[in-house]
C-alpha atoms as a PDB file:
ATOM      1  CA  UNK A   1       8.166  -4.770  -5.622  1.00  0.00           C
ATOM      2  CA  UNK A   2       4.480  -3.969  -5.074  1.00  0.00           C
ATOM      3  CA  UNK A   3       3.877  -7.327  -3.385  1.00  0.00           C
ATOM      4  CA  UNK A   4       6.884  -6.797  -1.117  1.00  0.00           C
ATOM      5  CA  UNK A   5       5.728  -3.302  -0.137  1.00  0.00           C
ATOM      6  CA  UNK A   6       2.141  -4.514   0.291  1.00  0.00           C
ATOM      7  CA  UNK A   7       3.200  -7.144   2.816  1.00  0.00           C
ATOM      8  CA  UNK A   8       5.307  -4.595   4.710  1.00  0.00           C
ATOM      9  CA  UNK A   9       2.421  -2.120   4.637  1.00  0.00           C
ATOM     10  CA  UNK A  10       0.100  -4.673   6.230  1.00  0.00           C
ATOM     11  CA  UNK A  11       2.647  -5.126   9.016  1.00  0.00           C
ATOM     12  CA  UNK A  12       2.303  -1.481  10.133  1.00  0.00           C
ATOM     13  CA  UNK A  13      -1.053  -1.884  11.958  1.00  0.00           C
ATOM     14  CA  UNK A  14       0.035  -5.268  13.359  1.00  0.00           C
ATOM     15  CA  UNK A  15       3.292  -3.866  14.735  1.00  0.00           C
ATOM     16  CA  UNK A  16       1.564  -0.770  16.113  1.00  0.00           C
ATOM     17  CA  UNK A  17      -1.164  -2.913  17.725  1.00  0.00           C
ATOM     18  CA  UNK A  18       1.395  -5.150  19.463  1.00  0.00           C
ATOM     19  CA  UNK A  19       3.364  -2.180  20.797  1.00  0.00           C
ATOM     20  CA  UNK A  20       0.243  -0.316  21.934  1.00  0.00           C
ATOM     21  CA  UNK A  21      -1.121  -3.454  23.630  1.00  0.00           C
ATOM     22  CA  UNK A  22       2.132  -4.037  25.531  1.00  0.00           C
ATOM     23  CA  UNK A  23       2.197  -0.408  26.682  1.00  0.00           C
ATOM     24  CA  UNK A  24      -1.458  -0.487  27.758  1.00  0.00           C
ATOM     25  CA  UNK A  25      -1.156  -3.575  29.948  1.00  0.00           C
ATOM     26  CA  UNK A  26       2.235  -2.536  31.370  1.00  0.00           C
ATOM     27  CA  UNK A  27       0.680   0.746  32.487  1.00  0.00           C
ATOM     28  CA  UNK A  28      -2.118  -1.200  34.189  1.00  0.00           C
ATOM     29  CA  UNK A  29       0.391  -3.501  35.907  1.00  0.00           C
ATOM     30  CA  UNK A  30       2.164  -0.475  37.392  1.00  0.00           C
ATOM     31  CA  UNK A  31      -1.024   0.513  39.183  1.00  0.00           C
ATOM     32  CA  UNK A  32      -3.947   2.892  39.192  1.00  0.00           C
ATOM     33  CA  UNK A  33      -2.820   6.138  37.464  1.00  0.00           C
ATOM     34  CA  UNK A  34      -5.369   8.350  39.264  1.00  0.00           C
ATOM     35  CA  UNK A  35      -4.310   7.163  42.714  1.00  0.00           C
ATOM     36  CA  UNK A  36      -0.638   7.427  41.737  1.00  0.00           C
ATOM     37  CA  UNK A  37      -1.057  11.000  40.529  1.00  0.00           C
ATOM     38  CA  UNK A  38      -3.517  12.293  43.120  1.00  0.00           C
ATOM     39  CA  UNK A  39      -2.848  10.134  46.160  1.00  0.00           C
ATOM     40  CA  UNK A  40      -2.449  12.301  49.271  1.00  0.00           C
ATOM     41  CA  UNK A  41      -3.983  15.335  47.578  1.00  0.00           C
ATOM     42  CA  UNK A  42      -7.543  14.059  47.209  1.00  0.00           C
ATOM     43  CA  UNK A  43      -9.902  11.994  49.323  1.00  0.00           C
ATOM     44  CA  UNK A  44     -10.805   8.438  48.370  1.00  0.00           C
ATOM     45  CA  UNK A  45     -14.256   9.626  47.288  1.00  0.00           C
ATOM     46  CA  UNK A  46     -12.757  12.250  44.970  1.00  0.00           C
ATOM     47  CA  UNK A  47     -10.327   9.699  43.566  1.00  0.00           C
ATOM     48  CA  UNK A  48     -13.231   7.294  42.941  1.00  0.00           C
ATOM     49  CA  UNK A  49     -15.089  10.032  41.036  1.00  0.00           C
ATOM     50  CA  UNK A  50     -12.017  10.797  38.922  1.00  0.00           C
ATOM     51  CA  UNK A  51     -11.540   7.093  38.177  1.00  0.00           C
ATOM     52  CA  UNK A  52     -15.163   6.795  37.092  1.00  0.00           C
ATOM     53  CA  UNK A  53     -14.840   9.850  34.843  1.00  0.00           C
ATOM     54  CA  UNK A  54     -11.734   8.345  33.238  1.00  0.00           C
ATOM     55  CA  UNK A  55     -13.405   4.948  32.867  1.00  0.00           C
ATOM     56  CA  UNK A  56     -10.811   3.238  35.078  1.00  0.00           C
ATOM     57  CA  UNK A  57     -13.465   1.561  37.236  1.00  0.00           C
ATOM     58  CA  UNK A  58     -14.565  -0.623  34.328  1.00  0.00           C
ATOM     59  CA  UNK A  59     -13.201  -4.113  33.529  1.00  0.00           C
ATOM     60  CA  UNK A  60      -9.741  -3.974  32.005  1.00  0.00           C
ATOM     61  CA  UNK A  61     -10.816  -5.596  28.730  1.00  0.00           C
ATOM     62  CA  UNK A  62     -13.556  -2.991  28.376  1.00  0.00           C
ATOM     63  CA  UNK A  63     -10.959  -0.267  28.941  1.00  0.00           C
ATOM     64  CA  UNK A  64      -8.724  -1.920  26.371  1.00  0.00           C
ATOM     65  CA  UNK A  65     -11.451  -2.036  23.708  1.00  0.00           C
ATOM     66  CA  UNK A  66     -12.395   1.595  24.350  1.00  0.00           C
ATOM     67  CA  UNK A  67      -8.742   2.629  24.233  1.00  0.00           C
ATOM     68  CA  UNK A  68      -8.175   0.923  20.871  1.00  0.00           C
ATOM     69  CA  UNK A  69     -11.361   2.486  19.540  1.00  0.00           C
ATOM     70  CA  UNK A  70     -10.136   5.905  20.636  1.00  0.00           C
ATOM     71  CA  UNK A  71      -6.745   5.375  18.987  1.00  0.00           C
ATOM     72  CA  UNK A  72      -8.420   4.496  15.691  1.00  0.00           C
ATOM     73  CA  UNK A  73     -10.131   7.896  15.860  1.00  0.00           C
ATOM     74  CA  UNK A  74      -6.925   9.728  16.808  1.00  0.00           C
ATOM     75  CA  UNK A  75      -7.808   9.991  20.520  1.00  0.00           C
ATOM     76  CA  UNK A  76      -4.743   9.245  22.692  1.00  0.00           C
ATOM     77  CA  UNK A  77      -6.470  10.184  25.952  1.00  0.00           C
ATOM     78  CA  UNK A  78      -6.562  13.197  28.276  1.00  0.00           C
ATOM     79  CA  UNK A  79      -3.752  14.211  30.640  1.00  0.00           C
ATOM     80  CA  UNK A  80      -4.206  15.226  34.270  1.00  0.00           C
ATOM     81  CA  UNK A  81      -3.745  18.863  33.252  1.00  0.00           C
ATOM     82  CA  UNK A  82      -6.908  18.449  31.113  1.00  0.00           C
ATOM     83  CA  UNK A  83      -5.022  18.695  27.830  1.00  0.00           C
ATOM     84  CA  UNK A  84      -5.753  16.142  25.163  1.00  0.00           C
ATOM     85  CA  UNK A  85      -2.681  14.042  24.336  1.00  0.00           C
ATOM     86  CA  UNK A  86      -3.304  14.619  20.637  1.00  0.00           C
ATOM     87  CA  UNK A  87      -2.884  18.375  21.275  1.00  0.00           C
ATOM     88  CA  UNK A  88       0.334  17.745  23.230  1.00  0.00           C
ATOM     89  CA  UNK A  89       1.655  15.637  20.352  1.00  0.00           C
ATOM     90  CA  UNK A  90       0.755  18.337  17.839  1.00  0.00           C
ATOM     91  CA  UNK A  91       2.390  21.056  19.933  1.00  0.00           C
ATOM     92  CA  UNK A  92       5.591  19.260  20.919  1.00  0.00           C
ATOM     93  CA  UNK A  93       6.034  16.437  18.398  1.00  0.00           C
ATOM     94  CA  UNK A  94       7.552  18.658  15.698  1.00  0.00           C
ATOM     95  CA  UNK A  95      10.328  19.726  18.088  1.00  0.00           C
ATOM     96  CA  UNK A  96      11.309  16.104  18.741  1.00  0.00           C
ATOM     97  CA  UNK A  97      11.238  15.192  15.050  1.00  0.00           C
ATOM     98  CA  UNK A  98      13.392  18.252  14.339  1.00  0.00           C
ATOM     99  CA  UNK A  99      15.923  17.141  16.952  1.00  0.00           C
ATOM    100  CA  UNK A 100      15.992  13.575  15.589  1.00  0.00           C
ATOM    101  CA  UNK A 101      16.524  14.932  12.058  1.00  0.00           C
ATOM    102  CA  UNK A 102      19.536  17.029  13.122  1.00  0.00           C
ATOM    103  CA  UNK A 103      20.892  14.105  15.154  1.00  0.00           C
ATOM    104  CA  UNK A 104      20.631  11.791  12.130  1.00  0.00           C
ATOM    105  CA  UNK A 105      22.577  14.311  10.056  1.00  0.00           C
ATOM    106  CA  UNK A 106      25.296  14.306  12.718  1.00  0.00           C
ATOM    107  CA  UNK A 107      25.282  10.488  12.833  1.00  0.00           C
ATOM    108  CA  UNK A 108      25.724  10.220   9.064  1.00  0.00           C
ATOM    109  CA  UNK A 109      28.222  13.075   8.808  1.00  0.00           C
ATOM    110  CA  UNK A 110      30.411  11.536  11.530  1.00  0.00           C
ATOM    111  CA  UNK A 111      29.811   7.790  11.293  1.00  0.00           C
ATOM    112  CA  UNK A 112      29.862   7.133   7.539  1.00  0.00           C
ATOM    113  CA  UNK A 113      33.080   9.002   6.576  1.00  0.00           C
ATOM    114  CA  UNK A 114      34.960   7.684   9.611  1.00  0.00           C
ATOM    115  CA  UNK A 115      33.782   4.126   8.952  1.00  0.00           C
ATOM    116  CA  UNK A 116      34.808   4.422   5.318  1.00  0.00           C
ATOM    117  CA  UNK A 117      38.238   5.783   6.222  1.00  0.00           C
ATOM    118  CA  UNK A 118      38.784   3.048   8.814  1.00  0.00           C
ATOM    119  CA  UNK A 119      37.857   0.342   6.292  1.00  0.00           C
ATOM    120  CA  UNK A 120      40.264   1.658   3.636  1.00  0.00           C
ATOM    121  CA  UNK A 121      43.076   1.993   6.234  1.00  0.00           C
ATOM    122  CA  UNK A 122      42.456  -1.267   8.034  1.00  0.00           C
ATOM    123  CA  UNK A 123      44.683  -2.181  11.017  1.00  0.00           C
ATOM    124  CA  UNK A 124      46.399   1.199  10.999  1.00  0.00           C
ATOM    125  CA  UNK A 125      46.740   3.522  13.988  1.00  0.00           C
ATOM    126  CA  UNK A 126      43.933   5.652  12.563  1.00  0.00           C
ATOM    127  CA  UNK A 127      41.692   2.585  12.273  1.00  0.00           C
ATOM    128  CA  UNK A 128      42.314   1.665  15.906  1.00  0.00           C
ATOM    129  CA  UNK A 129      41.595   5.221  17.053  1.00  0.00           C
ATOM    130  CA  UNK A 130      38.381   5.413  15.018  1.00  0.00           C
ATOM    131  CA  UNK A 131      37.154   2.089  16.401  1.00  0.00           C
ATOM    132  CA  UNK A 132      37.887   3.251  19.944  1.00  0.00           C
ATOM    133  CA  UNK A 133      35.973   6.462  19.257  1.00  0.00           C
ATOM    134  CA  UNK A 134      33.016   4.429  17.960  1.00  0.00           C
ATOM    135  CA  UNK A 135      32.907   2.309  21.118  1.00  0.00           C
ATOM    136  CA  UNK A 136      33.076   5.361  23.379  1.00  0.00           C
ATOM    137  CA  UNK A 137      30.436   7.229  21.380  1.00  0.00           C
ATOM    138  CA  UNK A 138      28.007   4.311  21.649  1.00  0.00           C
ATOM    139  CA  UNK A 139      28.750   3.490  25.288  1.00  0.00           C
ATOM    140  CA  UNK A 140      28.707   7.010  26.747  1.00  0.00           C
ATOM    141  CA  UNK A 141      25.319   7.986  28.278  1.00  0.00           C
ATOM    142  CA  UNK A 142      23.677  10.678  26.190  1.00  0.00           C
ATOM    143  CA  UNK A 143      22.956  12.907  29.202  1.00  0.00           C
ATOM    144  CA  UNK A 144      26.614  12.706  30.291  1.00  0.00           C
ATOM    145  CA  UNK A 145      27.815  13.664  26.812  1.00  0.00           C
ATOM    146  CA  UNK A 146      25.279  16.490  26.821  1.00  0.00           C
ATOM    147  CA  UNK A 147      26.537  17.845  30.131  1.00  0.00           C
ATOM    148  CA  UNK A 148      30.156  17.725  28.924  1.00  0.00           C
ATOM    149  CA  UNK A 149      29.227  19.575  25.733  1.00  0.00           C
ATOM    150  CA  UNK A 150      27.351  22.217  27.712  1.00  0.00           C
ATOM    151  CA  UNK A 151      30.277  22.665  30.092  1.00  0.00           C
ATOM    152  CA  UNK A 152      32.901  22.929  27.340  1.00  0.00           C
ATOM    153  CA  UNK A 153      31.202  24.784  24.482  1.00  0.00           C
ATOM    154  CA  UNK A 154      28.593  26.675  26.461  1.00  0.00           C
ATOM    155  CA  UNK A 155      30.080  27.577  29.831  1.00  0.00           C
ATOM    156  CA  UNK A 156      33.850  27.395  29.271  1.00  0.00           C
ATOM    157  CA  UNK A 157      34.166  28.682  25.698  1.00  0.00           C
ATOM    158  CA  UNK A 158      30.838  30.468  25.411  1.00  0.00           C
ATOM    159  CA  UNK A 159      30.464  29.513  21.749  1.00  0.00           C
ATOM    160  CA  UNK A 160      26.999  27.965  21.813  1.00  0.00           C
ATOM    161  CA  UNK A 161      23.779  28.280  23.860  1.00  0.00           C
ATOM    162  CA  UNK A 162      23.175  25.499  26.359  1.00  0.00           C
ATOM    163  CA  UNK A 163      19.378  25.354  26.578  1.00  0.00           C
ATOM    164  CA  UNK A 164      16.183  25.940  24.649  1.00  0.00           C
ATOM    165  CA  UNK A 165      15.325  25.683  20.959  1.00  0.00           C
ATOM    166  CA  UNK A 166      15.990  29.384  20.304  1.00  0.00           C
ATOM    167  CA  UNK A 167      16.454  32.673  22.110  1.00  0.00           C
ATOM    168  CA  UNK A 168      13.344  33.927  23.906  1.00  0.00           C
ATOM    169  CA  UNK A 169      12.792  36.868  21.552  1.00  0.00           C
ATOM    170  CA  UNK A 170      13.219  34.630  18.510  1.00  0.00           C
ATOM    171  CA  UNK A 171      10.669  32.090  19.784  1.00  0.00           C
ATOM    172  CA  UNK A 172       8.190  34.888  20.483  1.00  0.00           C
ATOM    173  CA  UNK A 173       8.638  36.260  16.963  1.00  0.00           C
ATOM    174  CA  UNK A 174       8.319  32.837  15.324  1.00  0.00           C
ATOM    175  CA  UNK A 175       5.029  32.178  17.119  1.00  0.00           C
ATOM    176  CA  UNK A 176       3.405  34.614  14.691  1.00  0.00           C
ATOM    177  CA  UNK A 177       4.667  32.917  11.513  1.00  0.00           C
ATOM    178  CA  UNK A 178       1.928  31.770   9.142  1.00  0.00           C
ATOM    179  CA  UNK A 179       1.710  28.953   8.245  1.00  0.00           C
ATOM    180  CA  UNK A 180       3.372  27.804  11.474  1.00  0.00           C
ATOM    181  CA  UNK A 181       5.036  24.376  11.355  1.00  0.00           C
ATOM    182  CA  UNK A 182       6.472  24.260  14.924  1.00  0.00           C
ATOM    183  CA  UNK A 183       9.794  23.281  13.291  1.00  0.00           C
ATOM    184  CA  UNK A 184      11.741  26.405  14.189  1.00  0.00           C
ATOM    185  CA  UNK A 185      14.260  26.127  11.354  1.00  0.00           C
ATOM    186  CA  UNK A 186      11.443  26.083   8.797  1.00  0.00           C
ATOM    187  CA  UNK A 187       9.527  28.804  10.649  1.00  0.00           C
ATOM    188  CA  UNK A 188      12.654  30.995  10.638  1.00  0.00           C
ATOM    189  CA  UNK A 189      12.974  30.523   6.871  1.00  0.00           C
ATOM    190  CA  UNK A 190       9.289  31.406   6.426  1.00  0.00           C
ATOM    191  CA  UNK A 191       9.808  34.482   8.593  1.00  0.00           C
ATOM    192  CA  UNK A 192      12.580  35.545   6.234  1.00  0.00           C
ATOM    193  CA  UNK A 193      15.169  36.507   8.836  1.00  0.00           C
ATOM    194  CA  UNK A 194      18.629  34.946   8.442  1.00  0.00           C
ATOM    195  CA  UNK A 195      19.606  35.997  11.963  1.00  0.00           C
ATOM    196  CA  UNK A 196      16.700  34.015  13.408  1.00  0.00           C
ATOM    197  CA  UNK A 197      17.698  30.939  11.384  1.00  0.00           C
ATOM    198  CA  UNK A 198      21.285  31.175  12.623  1.00  0.00           C
ATOM    199  CA  UNK A 199      20.038  31.476  16.207  1.00  0.00           C
ATOM    200  CA  UNK A 200      17.858  28.364  15.809  1.00  0.00           C
ATOM    201  CA  UNK A 201      20.704  26.363  14.256  1.00  0.00           C
ATOM    202  CA  UNK A 202      23.138  27.403  17.019  1.00  0.00           C
ATOM    203  CA  UNK A 203      20.692  26.149  19.658  1.00  0.00           C
ATOM    204  CA  UNK A 204      20.346  22.834  17.800  1.00  0.00           C
ATOM    205  CA  UNK A 205      24.078  22.057  17.579  1.00  0.00           C
ATOM    206  CA  UNK A 206      24.784  20.709  21.073  1.00  0.00           C
ATOM    207  CA  UNK A 207      21.608  18.586  21.477  1.00  0.00           C
ATOM    208  CA  UNK A 208      22.030  17.174  17.956  1.00  0.00           C
ATOM    209  CA  UNK A 209      25.680  16.279  18.585  1.00  0.00           C
ATOM    210  CA  UNK A 210      24.888  14.684  21.969  1.00  0.00           C
ATOM    211  CA  UNK A 211      22.148  12.509  20.478  1.00  0.00           C
ATOM    212  CA  UNK A 212      23.798  11.961  17.090  1.00  0.00           C
ATOM    213  CA  UNK A 213      27.100  10.650  18.457  1.00  0.00           C
ATOM    214  CA  UNK A 214      25.223   7.760  20.056  1.00  0.00           C
ATOM    215  CA  UNK A 215      24.122   6.501  16.632  1.00  0.00           C
ATOM    216  CA  UNK A 216      27.306   7.618  14.856  1.00  0.00           C
ATOM    217  CA  UNK A 217      29.226   4.982  16.815  1.00  0.00           C
ATOM    218  CA  UNK A 218      26.936   2.273  15.437  1.00  0.00           C
ATOM    219  CA  UNK A 219      27.018   3.595  11.867  1.00  0.00           C
ATOM    220  CA  UNK A 220      30.808   3.810  12.000  1.00  0.00           C
ATOM    221  CA  UNK A 221      31.248   0.161  12.936  1.00  0.00           C
ATOM    222  CA  UNK A 222      28.648  -1.078  10.439  1.00  0.00           C
ATOM    223  CA  UNK A 223      30.183   0.850   7.548  1.00  0.00           C
ATOM    224  CA  UNK A 224      33.680  -0.326   8.427  1.00  0.00           C
ATOM    225  CA  UNK A 225      32.785  -4.017   8.732  1.00  0.00           C
ATOM    226  CA  UNK A 226      30.601  -4.165   5.624  1.00  0.00           C
ATOM    227  CA  UNK A 227      32.963  -2.130   3.479  1.00  0.00           C
ATOM    228  CA  UNK A 228      35.864  -4.413   4.396  1.00  0.00           C
ATOM    229  CA  UNK A 229      33.775  -7.445   3.390  1.00  0.00           C
ATOM    230  CA  UNK A 230      32.608  -5.767   0.187  1.00  0.00           C
ATOM    231  CA  UNK A 231      36.144  -4.823  -0.851  1.00  0.00           C
ATOM    232  CA  UNK A 232      36.983  -8.558  -0.827  1.00  0.00           C
ATOM    233  CA  UNK A 233      34.182  -9.396  -3.285  1.00  0.00           C
ATOM    234  CA  UNK A 234      34.802 -10.780  -6.770  1.00  0.00           C
ATOM    235  CA  UNK A 235      33.096  -7.893  -8.543  1.00  0.00           C
ATOM    236  CA  UNK A 236      35.394  -5.453  -6.730  1.00  0.00           C
ATOM    237  CA  UNK A 237      38.425  -7.451  -7.933  1.00  0.00           C
ATOM    238  CA  UNK A 238      36.967  -7.287 -11.430  1.00  0.00           C
ATOM    239  CA  UNK A 239      36.625  -3.514 -11.149  1.00  0.00           C
ATOM    240  CA  UNK A 240      40.267  -3.243 -10.100  1.00  0.00           C
ATOM    241  CA  UNK A 241      41.258  -5.446 -13.043  1.00  0.00           C
ATOM    242  CA  UNK A 242      39.552  -2.989 -15.393  1.00  0.00           C
ATOM    243  CA  UNK A 243      41.966  -0.324 -14.179  1.00  0.00           C
ATOM    244  CA  UNK A 244      39.695   1.656 -11.874  1.00  0.00           C
ATOM    245  CA  UNK A 245      41.399   3.626  -9.111  1.00  0.00           C
ATOM    246  CA  UNK A 246      40.925   2.742  -5.446  1.00  0.00           C
ATOM    247  CA  UNK A 247      38.666   5.775  -4.979  1.00  0.00           C
ATOM    248  CA  UNK A 248      36.503   4.770  -7.943  1.00  0.00           C
ATOM    249  CA  UNK A 249      36.245   1.172  -6.723  1.00  0.00           C
ATOM    250  CA  UNK A 250      35.217   2.295  -3.252  1.00  0.00           C
ATOM    251  CA  UNK A 251      32.859   5.062  -4.349  1.00  0.00           C
ATOM    252  CA  UNK A 252      31.117   3.454  -7.314  1.00  0.00           C
ATOM    253  CA  UNK A 253      30.998  -0.199  -6.316  1.00  0.00           C
ATOM    254  CA  UNK A 254      31.751  -0.979  -2.674  1.00  0.00           C
ATOM    255  CA  UNK A 255      30.269   1.952  -0.746  1.00  0.00           C
ATOM    256  CA  UNK A 256      26.703   1.498  -2.004  1.00  0.00           C
ATOM    257  CA  UNK A 257      26.478  -2.128  -0.845  1.00  0.00           C
ATOM    258  CA  UNK A 258      28.134  -1.219   2.442  1.00  0.00           C
ATOM    259  CA  UNK A 259      25.345   1.298   3.087  1.00  0.00           C
ATOM    260  CA  UNK A 260      22.574  -1.324   2.895  1.00  0.00           C
ATOM    261  CA  UNK A 261      22.993  -2.502   6.531  1.00  0.00           C
ATOM    262  CA  UNK A 262      22.958   1.145   7.651  1.00  0.00           C
ATOM    263  CA  UNK A 263      19.608   1.745   5.994  1.00  0.00           C
ATOM    264  CA  UNK A 264      18.293  -1.584   7.301  1.00  0.00           C
ATOM    265  CA  UNK A 265      18.934  -0.740  10.944  1.00  0.00           C
ATOM    266  CA  UNK A 266      18.024   2.930  10.552  1.00  0.00           C
ATOM    267  CA  UNK A 267      14.429   2.351  11.631  1.00  0.00           C
ATOM    268  CA  UNK A 268      15.559   0.650  14.827  1.00  0.00           C
ATOM    269  CA  UNK A 269      17.983   3.442  15.656  1.00  0.00           C
ATOM    270  CA  UNK A 270      15.427   6.139  14.930  1.00  0.00           C
ATOM    271  CA  UNK A 271      13.334   4.441  17.617  1.00  0.00           C
ATOM    272  CA  UNK A 272      16.394   4.499  19.888  1.00  0.00           C
ATOM    273  CA  UNK A 273      16.839   8.187  19.129  1.00  0.00           C
ATOM    274  CA  UNK A 274      13.239   8.874  20.114  1.00  0.00           C
ATOM    275  CA  UNK A 275      14.017   7.200  23.423  1.00  0.00           C
ATOM    276  CA  UNK A 276      17.274   9.106  23.767  1.00  0.00           C
ATOM    277  CA  UNK A 277      15.407  12.317  23.009  1.00  0.00           C
ATOM    278  CA  UNK A 278      13.815  12.114  26.467  1.00  0.00           C
ATOM    279  CA  UNK A 279      17.231  12.472  28.138  1.00  0.00           C
ATOM    280  CA  UNK A 280      18.582  14.893  25.539  1.00  0.00           C
ATOM    281  CA  UNK A 281      15.576  17.206  25.680  1.00  0.00           C
ATOM    282  CA  UNK A 282      15.627  17.173  29.472  1.00  0.00           C
ATOM    283  CA  UNK A 283      19.356  17.937  29.561  1.00  0.00           C
ATOM    284  CA  UNK A 284      19.088  20.850  27.115  1.00  0.00           C
ATOM    285  CA  UNK A 285      15.561  21.986  28.079  1.00  0.00           C
ATOM    286  CA  UNK A 286      14.498  21.325  24.506  1.00  0.00           C
ATOM    287  CA  UNK A 287      10.709  21.642  24.717  1.00  0.00           C
ATOM    288  CA  UNK A 288       9.777  18.591  22.693  1.00  0.00           C
ATOM    289  CA  UNK A 289       7.755  15.436  23.188  1.00  0.00           C
ATOM    290  CA  UNK A 290      10.540  13.771  25.188  1.00  0.00           C
ATOM    291  CA  UNK A 291      10.728  16.738  27.572  1.00  0.00           C
ATOM    292  CA  UNK A 292       6.956  16.652  28.013  1.00  0.00           C
ATOM    293  CA  UNK A 293       7.042  12.886  28.582  1.00  0.00           C
ATOM    294  CA  UNK A 294       9.596  13.369  31.368  1.00  0.00           C
ATOM    295  CA  UNK A 295       7.338  15.997  32.954  1.00  0.00           C
ATOM    296  CA  UNK A 296       4.374  13.619  32.882  1.00  0.00           C
ATOM    297  CA  UNK A 297       6.514  10.877  34.410  1.00  0.00           C
ATOM    298  CA  UNK A 298       7.438  13.205  37.273  1.00  0.00           C
ATOM    299  CA  UNK A 299       3.762  14.000  37.782  1.00  0.00           C
ATOM    300  CA  UNK A 300       2.867  10.266  37.652  1.00  0.00           C
ATOM    301  CA  UNK A 301       0.434  10.987  34.861  1.00  0.00           C
ATOM    302  CA  UNK A 302       0.384   7.465  33.449  1.00  0.00           C
ATOM    303  CA  UNK A 303      -2.479   8.170  31.050  1.00  0.00           C
ATOM    304  CA  UNK A 304      -0.439  10.897  29.347  1.00  0.00           C
ATOM    305  CA  UNK A 305       2.659   8.673  29.333  1.00  0.00           C
ATOM    306  CA  UNK A 306       0.651   5.860  27.786  1.00  0.00           C
ATOM    307  CA  UNK A 307      -0.714   8.131  25.072  1.00  0.00           C
ATOM    308  CA  UNK A 308       2.685   9.575  24.121  1.00  0.00           C
ATOM    309  CA  UNK A 309       4.365   6.158  24.100  1.00  0.00           C
ATOM    310  CA  UNK A 310       1.524   4.794  21.946  1.00  0.00           C
ATOM    311  CA  UNK A 311       2.104   7.607  19.451  1.00  0.00           C
ATOM    312  CA  UNK A 312       5.833   6.871  19.390  1.00  0.00           C
ATOM    313  CA  UNK A 313       4.988   3.199  18.736  1.00  0.00           C
ATOM    314  CA  UNK A 314       2.955   4.188  15.688  1.00  0.00           C
ATOM    315  CA  UNK A 315       5.786   6.415  14.429  1.00  0.00           C
ATOM    316  CA  UNK A 316       8.282   3.559  14.836  1.00  0.00           C
ATOM    317  CA  UNK A 317       6.013   1.183  12.882  1.00  0.00           C
ATOM    318  CA  UNK A 318       5.662   3.682  10.020  1.00  0.00           C
ATOM    319  CA  UNK A 319       9.406   4.375   9.990  1.00  0.00           C
ATOM    320  CA  UNK A 320      10.117   0.638   9.773  1.00  0.00           C
ATOM    321  CA  UNK A 321       7.959   0.458   6.636  1.00  0.00           C
ATOM    322  CA  UNK A 322       9.715   3.437   5.054  1.00  0.00           C
ATOM    323  CA  UNK A 323      13.103   1.874   5.804  1.00  0.00           C
ATOM    324  CA  UNK A 324      12.025  -1.437   4.226  1.00  0.00           C
ATOM    325  CA  UNK A 325      10.901   0.455   1.117  1.00  0.00           C
ATOM    326  CA  UNK A 326      14.219   2.304   0.934  1.00  0.00           C
ATOM    327  CA  UNK A 327      16.192  -0.942   1.309  1.00  0.00           C
ATOM    328  CA  UNK A 328      14.189  -2.444  -1.565  1.00  0.00           C
ATOM    329  CA  UNK A 329      15.115   0.507  -3.765  1.00  0.00           C
ATOM    330  CA  UNK A 330      18.808   0.258  -2.894  1.00  0.00           C
ATOM    331  CA  UNK A 331      19.189  -3.549  -2.992  1.00  0.00           C
ATOM    332  CA  UNK A 332      17.588  -5.323  -6.001  1.00  0.00           C
ATOM    333  CA  UNK A 333      17.975  -8.681  -4.211  1.00  0.00           C
ATOM    334  CA  UNK A 334      15.188  -7.682  -1.815  1.00  0.00           C
ATOM    335  CA  UNK A 335      12.733  -7.055  -4.651  1.00  0.00           C
ATOM    336  CA  UNK A 336      13.228 -10.390  -6.431  1.00  0.00           C
END
């Protein structure tokens, strides 16, 4: 087990380095970020000064070495608005992680039970309907689903708020919580006001559902396929022969093995959720890292984009390791 985890742990810096390197050179292929951001608003002399200050007039390999050195010290660069990217990540990263957490809960709450029901009622009308739902949930663009949810539950029915992480007065109150985590649900609990917590959770429902349904469609199909295969296994037949009920066979024996592929691909789909968070946060004005990334893209601030994407690459590499460790705990075959 330790050797397995040690090898996976060594892969974290390698994976992060590959992703960061690809992002760095892709940003350079796109063009000069200073000229892209400031072209037409500054003279060529002013642009040249800004490029020299940012070190963009140096050879690209020199820039690359300095960039890697900065990353090792936690320096992701400086945006055009003079904010350090590390400060932007600290300020907005918690909001994105909070959204991804709620979306994962939605994905599990919707995908796993539906996949399990479809597998135990194979080839029925319900199975066909669930499979169709899974295809639509995966195929529908997250921003389109978000707009439909806003129109139905926010505008038409008026049940839920359609933008922001909380009401304005609640956000202002939670800014004074100590210690402040920037995760509003936790901050509301620390503040000790149930009304504030309910307000935060109501604001999280629509964005979490919009983003979570995307992954729920994948989880649904994986659970269904693997549970059907598991229910055909010899050890499941042996469990039935011992007189166990269908619910006991599914719950105690088949469901656990069917969950292994879900956990295996979880790291990949967390990365997909981080990408989908850009559209979700923009749609719902959820002030997280994805929303800020979209703002920097509009401003053509490629240095800020590069820094945020590099941070996301590191998060994805770490999440992949954690998923591998969890798979090893669930499936003994991985450890031996």
